[in-house]
């Protein structure tokens, strides 16, 4: 079985950019909600595009778990405050 996400450079760039924005906000705490919201929108758009390309639930679930773990880790570390 071939991976749709790893086989598409556009999806790799979109997920990578969403991940970089999320990590940038974790490290720098640059803005209140701009980078997390932009990161979430990029992630959601990339996920919809991956579904349209025929990505399986397993690979979508794995990418989603990584993204959510980063965001939940930041939420727990800050105590829910931005």
PDB file of N, CA and C in Angstrom:
ATOM      1  N   UNK A   1       0.846  -1.175   0.000  1.00  0.00           N
ATOM      2  CA  UNK A   1       0.000   0.000   0.000  1.00  0.00           C
ATOM      3  C   UNK A   1       0.896   1.245   0.000  1.00  0.00           C
ATOM      4  N   UNK A   2       0.628   2.124  -0.904  1.00  0.00           N
ATOM      5  CA  UNK A   2       1.435   3.333  -1.054  1.00  0.00           C
ATOM      6  C   UNK A   2       0.810   4.494  -0.276  1.00  0.00           C
ATOM      7  N   UNK A   3       1.650   5.292   0.339  1.00  0.00           N
ATOM      8  CA  UNK A   3       1.190   6.422   1.129  1.00  0.00           C
ATOM      9  C   UNK A   3       0.862   7.604   0.219  1.00  0.00           C
ATOM     10  N   UNK A   4      -0.320   8.149   0.381  1.00  0.00           N
ATOM     11  CA  UNK A   4      -0.733   9.314  -0.405  1.00  0.00           C
ATOM     12  C   UNK A   4      -0.025  10.566   0.092  1.00  0.00           C
ATOM     13  N   UNK A   5       0.115  10.691   1.397  1.00  0.00           N
ATOM     14  CA  UNK A   5       0.714  11.895   1.969  1.00  0.00           C
ATOM     15  C   UNK A   5       2.195  11.984   1.628  1.00  0.00           C
ATOM     16  N   UNK A   6       2.918  10.869   1.765  1.00  0.00           N
ATOM     17  CA  UNK A   6       4.347  10.886   1.449  1.00  0.00           C
ATOM     18  C   UNK A   6       4.611  10.957  -0.048  1.00  0.00           C
ATOM     19  N   UNK A   7       3.638  10.586  -0.857  1.00  0.00           N
ATOM     20  CA  UNK A   7       3.807  10.613  -2.306  1.00  0.00           C
ATOM     21  C   UNK A   7       3.450  11.939  -2.951  1.00  0.00           C
ATOM     22  N   UNK A   8       2.891  12.858  -2.189  1.00  0.00           N
ATOM     23  CA  UNK A   8       2.465  14.147  -2.740  1.00  0.00           C
ATOM     24  C   UNK A   8       3.303  15.280  -2.144  1.00  0.00           C
ATOM     25  N   UNK A   9       4.098  15.956  -2.980  1.00  0.00           N
ATOM     26  CA  UNK A   9       4.902  17.061  -2.459  1.00  0.00           C
ATOM     27  C   UNK A   9       4.059  18.229  -1.936  1.00  0.00           C
ATOM     28  N   UNK A  10       2.893  18.439  -2.510  1.00  0.00           N
ATOM     29  CA  UNK A  10       2.024  19.533  -2.050  1.00  0.00           C
ATOM     30  C   UNK A  10       1.544  19.260  -0.626  1.00  0.00           C
ATOM     31  N   UNK A  11       1.140  18.021  -0.364  1.00  0.00           N
ATOM     32  CA  UNK A  11       0.688  17.685   0.989  1.00  0.00           C
ATOM     33  C   UNK A  11       1.830  17.769   1.990  1.00  0.00           C
ATOM     34  N   UNK A  12       3.002  17.322   1.604  1.00  0.00           N
ATOM     35  CA  UNK A  12       4.154  17.426   2.503  1.00  0.00           C
ATOM     36  C   UNK A  12       4.460  18.881   2.831  1.00  0.00           C
ATOM     37  N   UNK A  13       4.377  19.756   1.845  1.00  0.00           N
ATOM     38  CA  UNK A  13       4.633  21.183   2.089  1.00  0.00           C
ATOM     39  C   UNK A  13       3.560  21.799   2.980  1.00  0.00           C
ATOM     40  N   UNK A  14       2.300  21.463   2.743  1.00  0.00           N
ATOM     41  CA  UNK A  14       1.215  22.021   3.553  1.00  0.00           C
ATOM     42  C   UNK A  14       1.299  21.548   5.003  1.00  0.00           C
ATOM     43  N   UNK A  15       1.494  20.245   5.197  1.00  0.00           N
ATOM     44  CA  UNK A  15       1.623  19.727   6.560  1.00  0.00           C
ATOM     45  C   UNK A  15       2.891  20.254   7.223  1.00  0.00           C
ATOM     46  N   UNK A  16       3.968  20.356   6.472  1.00  0.00           N
ATOM     47  CA  UNK A  16       5.209  20.895   7.019  1.00  0.00           C
ATOM     48  C   UNK A  16       5.075  22.341   7.438  1.00  0.00           C
ATOM     49  N   UNK A  17       4.398  23.145   6.623  1.00  0.00           N
ATOM     50  CA  UNK A  17       4.189  24.547   6.965  1.00  0.00           C
ATOM     51  C   UNK A  17       3.302  24.688   8.202  1.00  0.00           C
ATOM     52  N   UNK A  18       2.256  23.866   8.282  1.00  0.00           N
ATOM     53  CA  UNK A  18       1.395  23.889   9.470  1.00  0.00           C
ATOM     54  C   UNK A  18       2.184  23.497  10.713  1.00  0.00           C
ATOM     55  N   UNK A  19       3.051  22.501  10.577  1.00  0.00           N
ATOM     56  CA  UNK A  19       3.872  22.075  11.693  1.00  0.00           C
ATOM     57  C   UNK A  19       4.879  23.149  12.096  1.00  0.00           C
ATOM     58  N   UNK A  20       5.494  23.795  11.120  1.00  0.00           N
ATOM     59  CA  UNK A  20       6.454  24.862  11.419  1.00  0.00           C
ATOM     60  C   UNK A  20       5.791  26.051  12.112  1.00  0.00           C
ATOM     61  N   UNK A  21       4.606  26.427  11.658  1.00  0.00           N
ATOM     62  CA  UNK A  21       3.891  27.522  12.314  1.00  0.00           C
ATOM     63  C   UNK A  21       3.529  27.165  13.752  1.00  0.00           C
ATOM     64  N   UNK A  22       3.142  25.923  13.967  1.00  0.00           N
ATOM     65  CA  UNK A  22       2.797  25.476  15.317  1.00  0.00           C
ATOM     66  C   UNK A  22       4.036  25.488  16.216  1.00  0.00           C
ATOM     67  N   UNK A  23       5.139  24.974  15.724  1.00  0.00           N
ATOM     68  CA  UNK A  23       6.374  24.954  16.513  1.00  0.00           C
ATOM     69  C   UNK A  23       6.900  26.368  16.743  1.00  0.00           C
ATOM     70  N   UNK A  24       6.794  27.231  15.734  1.00  0.00           N
ATOM     71  CA  UNK A  24       7.217  28.620  15.889  1.00  0.00           C
ATOM     72  C   UNK A  24       6.438  29.302  17.004  1.00  0.00           C
ATOM     73  N   UNK A  25       5.146  29.062  17.061  1.00  0.00           N
ATOM     74  CA  UNK A  25       4.337  29.662  18.113  1.00  0.00           C
ATOM     75  C   UNK A  25       4.674  29.071  19.475  1.00  0.00           C
ATOM     76  N   UNK A  26       4.996  27.780  19.522  1.00  0.00           N
ATOM     77  CA  UNK A  26       5.390  27.158  20.785  1.00  0.00           C
ATOM     78  C   UNK A  26       6.684  27.759  21.329  1.00  0.00           C
ATOM     79  N   UNK A  27       7.643  27.996  20.446  1.00  0.00           N
ATOM     80  CA  UNK A  27       8.958  28.471  20.867  1.00  0.00           C
ATOM     81  C   UNK A  27       8.938  29.966  21.160  1.00  0.00           C
ATOM     82  N   UNK A  28       8.389  30.746  20.249  1.00  0.00           N
ATOM     83  CA  UNK A  28       8.472  32.196  20.357  1.00  0.00           C
ATOM     84  C   UNK A  28       7.295  32.851  21.073  1.00  0.00           C
ATOM     85  N   UNK A  29       6.166  32.183  21.092  1.00  0.00           N
ATOM     86  CA  UNK A  29       4.931  32.782  21.617  1.00  0.00           C
ATOM     87  C   UNK A  29       4.720  34.157  20.992  1.00  0.00           C
ATOM     88  N   UNK A  30       4.809  34.176  19.659  1.00  0.00           N
ATOM     89  CA  UNK A  30       4.855  35.419  18.899  1.00  0.00           C
ATOM     90  C   UNK A  30       3.517  36.160  18.889  1.00  0.00           C
ATOM     91  N   UNK A  31       2.426  35.437  18.859  1.00  0.00           N
ATOM     92  CA  UNK A  31       1.134  36.120  18.763  1.00  0.00           C
ATOM     93  C   UNK A  31       0.126  35.426  19.654  1.00  0.00           C
ATOM     94  N   UNK A  32      -0.980  36.086  19.828  1.00  0.00           N
ATOM     95  CA  UNK A  32      -2.031  35.491  20.627  1.00  0.00           C
ATOM     96  C   UNK A  32      -2.652  34.294  19.956  1.00  0.00           C
ATOM     97  N   UNK A  33      -3.281  34.516  18.817  1.00  0.00           N
ATOM     98  CA  UNK A  33      -3.997  33.439  18.155  1.00  0.00           C
ATOM     99  C   UNK A  33      -3.715  33.346  16.663  1.00  0.00           C
ATOM    100  N   UNK A  34      -2.908  34.227  16.108  1.00  0.00           N
ATOM    101  CA  UNK A  34      -2.690  34.244  14.669  1.00  0.00           C
ATOM    102  C   UNK A  34      -2.023  32.967  14.164  1.00  0.00           C
ATOM    103  N   UNK A  35      -0.889  32.595  14.721  1.00  0.00           N
ATOM    104  CA  UNK A  35      -0.165  31.420  14.238  1.00  0.00           C
ATOM    105  C   UNK A  35      -0.894  30.101  14.523  1.00  0.00           C
ATOM    106  N   UNK A  36      -1.483  29.917  15.701  1.00  0.00           N
ATOM    107  CA  UNK A  36      -2.231  28.669  15.907  1.00  0.00           C
ATOM    108  C   UNK A  36      -3.439  28.522  14.979  1.00  0.00           C
ATOM    109  N   UNK A  37      -4.149  29.612  14.739  1.00  0.00           N
ATOM    110  CA  UNK A  37      -5.309  29.539  13.851  1.00  0.00           C
ATOM    111  C   UNK A  37      -4.876  29.310  12.413  1.00  0.00           C
ATOM    112  N   UNK A  38      -3.841  30.002  11.981  1.00  0.00           N
ATOM    113  CA  UNK A  38      -3.320  29.800  10.624  1.00  0.00           C
ATOM    114  C   UNK A  38      -2.801  28.375  10.453  1.00  0.00           C
ATOM    115  N   UNK A  39      -2.133  27.865  11.466  1.00  0.00           N
ATOM    116  CA  UNK A  39      -1.647  26.496  11.428  1.00  0.00           C
ATOM    117  C   UNK A  39      -2.804  25.499  11.344  1.00  0.00           C
ATOM    118  N   UNK A  40      -3.841  25.720  12.109  1.00  0.00           N
ATOM    119  CA  UNK A  40      -4.998  24.824  12.084  1.00  0.00           C
ATOM    120  C   UNK A  40      -5.719  24.877  10.739  1.00  0.00           C
ATOM    121  N   UNK A  41      -5.826  26.068  10.153  1.00  0.00           N
ATOM    122  CA  UNK A  41      -6.465  26.179   8.837  1.00  0.00           C
ATOM    123  C   UNK A  41      -5.653  25.472   7.756  1.00  0.00           C
ATOM    124  N   UNK A  42      -4.345  25.613   7.790  1.00  0.00           N
ATOM    125  CA  UNK A  42      -3.493  24.896   6.837  1.00  0.00           C
ATOM    126  C   UNK A  42      -3.617  23.385   7.021  1.00  0.00           C
ATOM    127  N   UNK A  43      -3.645  22.956   8.268  1.00  0.00           N
ATOM    128  CA  UNK A  43      -3.780  21.532   8.552  1.00  0.00           C
ATOM    129  C   UNK A  43      -5.120  20.999   8.051  1.00  0.00           C
ATOM    130  N   UNK A  44      -6.196  21.728   8.308  1.00  0.00           N
ATOM    131  CA  UNK A  44      -7.517  21.291   7.869  1.00  0.00           C
ATOM    132  C   UNK A  44      -7.605  21.248   6.346  1.00  0.00           C
ATOM    133  N   UNK A  45      -7.057  22.261   5.680  1.00  0.00           N
ATOM    134  CA  UNK A  45      -7.059  22.266   4.222  1.00  0.00           C
ATOM    135  C   UNK A  45      -6.250  21.129   3.640  1.00  0.00           C
ATOM    136  N   UNK A  46      -5.091  20.847   4.225  1.00  0.00           N
ATOM    137  CA  UNK A  46      -4.264  19.738   3.748  1.00  0.00           C
ATOM    138  C   UNK A  46      -4.959  18.402   3.985  1.00  0.00           C
ATOM    139  N   UNK A  47      -5.663  18.274   5.096  1.00  0.00           N
ATOM    140  CA  UNK A  47      -6.372  17.031   5.385  1.00  0.00           C
ATOM    141  C   UNK A  47      -7.518  16.807   4.403  1.00  0.00           C
ATOM    142  N   UNK A  48      -8.256  17.853   4.089  1.00  0.00           N
ATOM    143  CA  UNK A  48      -9.333  17.727   3.103  1.00  0.00           C
ATOM    144  C   UNK A  48      -8.760  17.352   1.739  1.00  0.00           C
ATOM    145  N   UNK A  49      -7.653  17.965   1.366  1.00  0.00           N
ATOM    146  CA  UNK A  49      -7.002  17.642   0.091  1.00  0.00           C
ATOM    147  C   UNK A  49      -6.504  16.194   0.085  1.00  0.00           C
ATOM    148  N   UNK A  50      -5.975  15.726   1.219  1.00  0.00           N
ATOM    149  CA  UNK A  50      -5.513  14.340   1.314  1.00  0.00           C
ATOM    150  C   UNK A  50      -6.685  13.363   1.194  1.00  0.00           C
ATOM    151  N   UNK A  51      -7.818  13.710   1.778  1.00  0.00           N
ATOM    152  CA  UNK A  51      -9.006  12.856   1.655  1.00  0.00           C
ATOM    153  C   UNK A  51      -9.460  12.793   0.202  1.00  0.00           C
ATOM    154  N   UNK A  52      -9.431  13.929  -0.480  1.00  0.00           N
ATOM    155  CA  UNK A  52      -9.823  13.947  -1.893  1.00  0.00           C
ATOM    156  C   UNK A  52      -8.879  13.127  -2.762  1.00  0.00           C
ATOM    157  N   UNK A  53      -7.607  13.064  -2.369  1.00  0.00           N
ATOM    158  CA  UNK A  53      -6.637  12.261  -3.117  1.00  0.00           C
ATOM    159  C   UNK A  53      -6.733  10.780  -2.775  1.00  0.00           C
ATOM    160  N   UNK A  54      -7.467  10.427  -1.739  1.00  0.00           N
ATOM    161  CA  UNK A  54      -7.672   9.028  -1.392  1.00  0.00           C
ATOM    162  C   UNK A  54      -6.798   8.513  -0.272  1.00  0.00           C
ATOM    163  N   UNK A  55      -6.399   9.373   0.636  1.00  0.00           N
ATOM    164  CA  UNK A  55      -5.575   8.936   1.763  1.00  0.00           C
ATOM    165  C   UNK A  55      -6.397   8.058   2.698  1.00  0.00           C
ATOM    166  N   UNK A  56      -5.738   7.074   3.288  1.00  0.00           N
ATOM    167  CA  UNK A  56      -6.416   6.167   4.208  1.00  0.00           C
ATOM    168  C   UNK A  56      -6.563   6.768   5.590  1.00  0.00           C
ATOM    169  N   UNK A  57      -7.442   6.167   6.360  1.00  0.00           N
ATOM    170  CA  UNK A  57      -7.691   6.666   7.711  1.00  0.00           C
ATOM    171  C   UNK A  57      -6.476   6.510   8.611  1.00  0.00           C
ATOM    172  N   UNK A  58      -5.677   5.480   8.366  1.00  0.00           N
ATOM    173  CA  UNK A  58      -4.508   5.253   9.214  1.00  0.00           C
ATOM    174  C   UNK A  58      -3.501   6.380   9.098  1.00  0.00           C
ATOM    175  N   UNK A  59      -3.168   6.772   7.870  1.00  0.00           N
ATOM    176  CA  UNK A  59      -2.178   7.835   7.717  1.00  0.00           C
ATOM    177  C   UNK A  59      -2.746   9.195   8.109  1.00  0.00           C
ATOM    178  N   UNK A  60      -4.024   9.420   7.879  1.00  0.00           N
ATOM    179  CA  UNK A  60      -4.635  10.674   8.338  1.00  0.00           C
ATOM    180  C   UNK A  60      -4.676  10.734   9.863  1.00  0.00           C
ATOM    181  N   UNK A  61      -4.973   9.610  10.484  1.00  0.00           N
ATOM    182  CA  UNK A  61      -5.006   9.565  11.943  1.00  0.00           C
ATOM    183  C   UNK A  61      -3.646   9.808  12.555  1.00  0.00           C
ATOM    184  N   UNK A  62      -2.599   9.262  11.948  1.00  0.00           N
ATOM    185  CA  UNK A  62      -1.248   9.444  12.463  1.00  0.00           C
ATOM    186  C   UNK A  62      -0.816  10.905  12.390  1.00  0.00           C
ATOM    187  N   UNK A  63      -1.087  11.554  11.265  1.00  0.00           N
ATOM    188  CA  UNK A  63      -0.725  12.965  11.103  1.00  0.00           C
ATOM    189  C   UNK A  63      -1.545  13.829  12.061  1.00  0.00           C
ATOM    190  N   UNK A  64      -2.802  13.494  12.231  1.00  0.00           N
ATOM    191  CA  UNK A  64      -3.669  14.257  13.133  1.00  0.00           C
ATOM    192  C   UNK A  64      -3.214  14.117  14.585  1.00  0.00           C
ATOM    193  N   UNK A  65      -2.815  12.920  14.976  1.00  0.00           N
ATOM    194  CA  UNK A  65      -2.341  12.720  16.349  1.00  0.00           C
ATOM    195  C   UNK A  65      -1.089  13.529  16.644  1.00  0.00           C
ATOM    196  N   UNK A  66      -0.171  13.606  15.702  1.00  0.00           N
ATOM    197  CA  UNK A  66       1.044  14.397  15.904  1.00  0.00           C
ATOM    198  C   UNK A  66       0.685  15.873  16.062  1.00  0.00           C
ATOM    199  N   UNK A  67      -0.173  16.375  15.177  1.00  0.00           N
ATOM    200  CA  UNK A  67      -0.565  17.783  15.226  1.00  0.00           C
ATOM    201  C   UNK A  67      -1.310  18.109  16.525  1.00  0.00           C
ATOM    202  N   UNK A  68      -2.235  17.251  16.917  1.00  0.00           N
ATOM    203  CA  UNK A  68      -2.995  17.508  18.138  1.00  0.00           C
ATOM    204  C   UNK A  68      -2.132  17.368  19.381  1.00  0.00           C
ATOM    205  N   UNK A  69      -1.180  16.446  19.378  1.00  0.00           N
ATOM    206  CA  UNK A  69      -0.289  16.292  20.535  1.00  0.00           C
ATOM    207  C   UNK A  69       0.531  17.551  20.762  1.00  0.00           C
ATOM    208  N   UNK A  70       1.007  18.171  19.680  1.00  0.00           N
ATOM    209  CA  UNK A  70       1.749  19.423  19.827  1.00  0.00           C
ATOM    210  C   UNK A  70       0.874  20.524  20.406  1.00  0.00           C
ATOM    211  N   UNK A  71      -0.338  20.641  19.907  1.00  0.00           N
ATOM    212  CA  UNK A  71      -1.230  21.698  20.380  1.00  0.00           C
ATOM    213  C   UNK A  71      -1.720  21.451  21.801  1.00  0.00           C
ATOM    214  N   UNK A  72      -2.009  20.213  22.156  1.00  0.00           N
ATOM    215  CA  UNK A  72      -2.458  19.911  23.512  1.00  0.00           C
ATOM    216  C   UNK A  72      -1.310  20.079  24.493  1.00  0.00           C
ATOM    217  N   UNK A  73      -0.097  19.699  24.076  1.00  0.00           N
ATOM    218  CA  UNK A  73       1.064  19.894  24.946  1.00  0.00           C
ATOM    219  C   UNK A  73       1.283  21.354  25.275  1.00  0.00           C
ATOM    220  N   UNK A  74       1.102  22.224  24.298  1.00  0.00           N
ATOM    221  CA  UNK A  74       1.226  23.664  24.553  1.00  0.00           C
ATOM    222  C   UNK A  74       0.103  24.150  25.456  1.00  0.00           C
ATOM    223  N   UNK A  75      -1.104  23.650  25.256  1.00  0.00           N
ATOM    224  CA  UNK A  75      -2.242  24.058  26.055  1.00  0.00           C
ATOM    225  C   UNK A  75      -2.043  23.664  27.515  1.00  0.00           C
ATOM    226  N   UNK A  76      -1.544  22.470  27.760  1.00  0.00           N
ATOM    227  CA  UNK A  76      -1.328  22.007  29.120  1.00  0.00           C
ATOM    228  C   UNK A  76      -0.184  22.763  29.773  1.00  0.00           C
ATOM    229  N   UNK A  77       0.856  23.039  29.007  1.00  0.00           N
ATOM    230  CA  UNK A  77       2.028  23.729  29.553  1.00  0.00           C
ATOM    231  C   UNK A  77       1.693  25.158  29.973  1.00  0.00           C
ATOM    232  N   UNK A  78       0.841  25.842  29.218  1.00  0.00           N
ATOM    233  CA  UNK A  78       0.491  27.214  29.554  1.00  0.00           C
ATOM    234  C   UNK A  78      -0.678  27.315  30.515  1.00  0.00           C
ATOM    235  N   UNK A  79      -1.302  26.204  30.825  1.00  0.00           N
ATOM    236  CA  UNK A  79      -2.438  26.227  31.746  1.00  0.00           C
ATOM    237  C   UNK A  79      -3.704  26.738  31.093  1.00  0.00           C
ATOM    238  N   UNK A  80      -3.795  26.665  29.767  1.00  0.00           N
ATOM    239  CA  UNK A  80      -4.982  27.111  29.053  1.00  0.00           C
ATOM    240  C   UNK A  80      -5.007  28.585  28.747  1.00  0.00           C
ATOM    241  N   UNK A  81      -3.938  29.311  29.070  1.00  0.00           N
ATOM    242  CA  UNK A  81      -3.897  30.746  28.832  1.00  0.00           C
ATOM    243  C   UNK A  81      -2.935  31.044  27.705  1.00  0.00           C
ATOM    244  N   UNK A  82      -3.246  32.034  26.932  1.00  0.00           N
ATOM    245  CA  UNK A  82      -2.373  32.476  25.843  1.00  0.00           C
ATOM    246  C   UNK A  82      -1.669  33.738  26.234  1.00  0.00           C
TER     247      UNK A  82
END
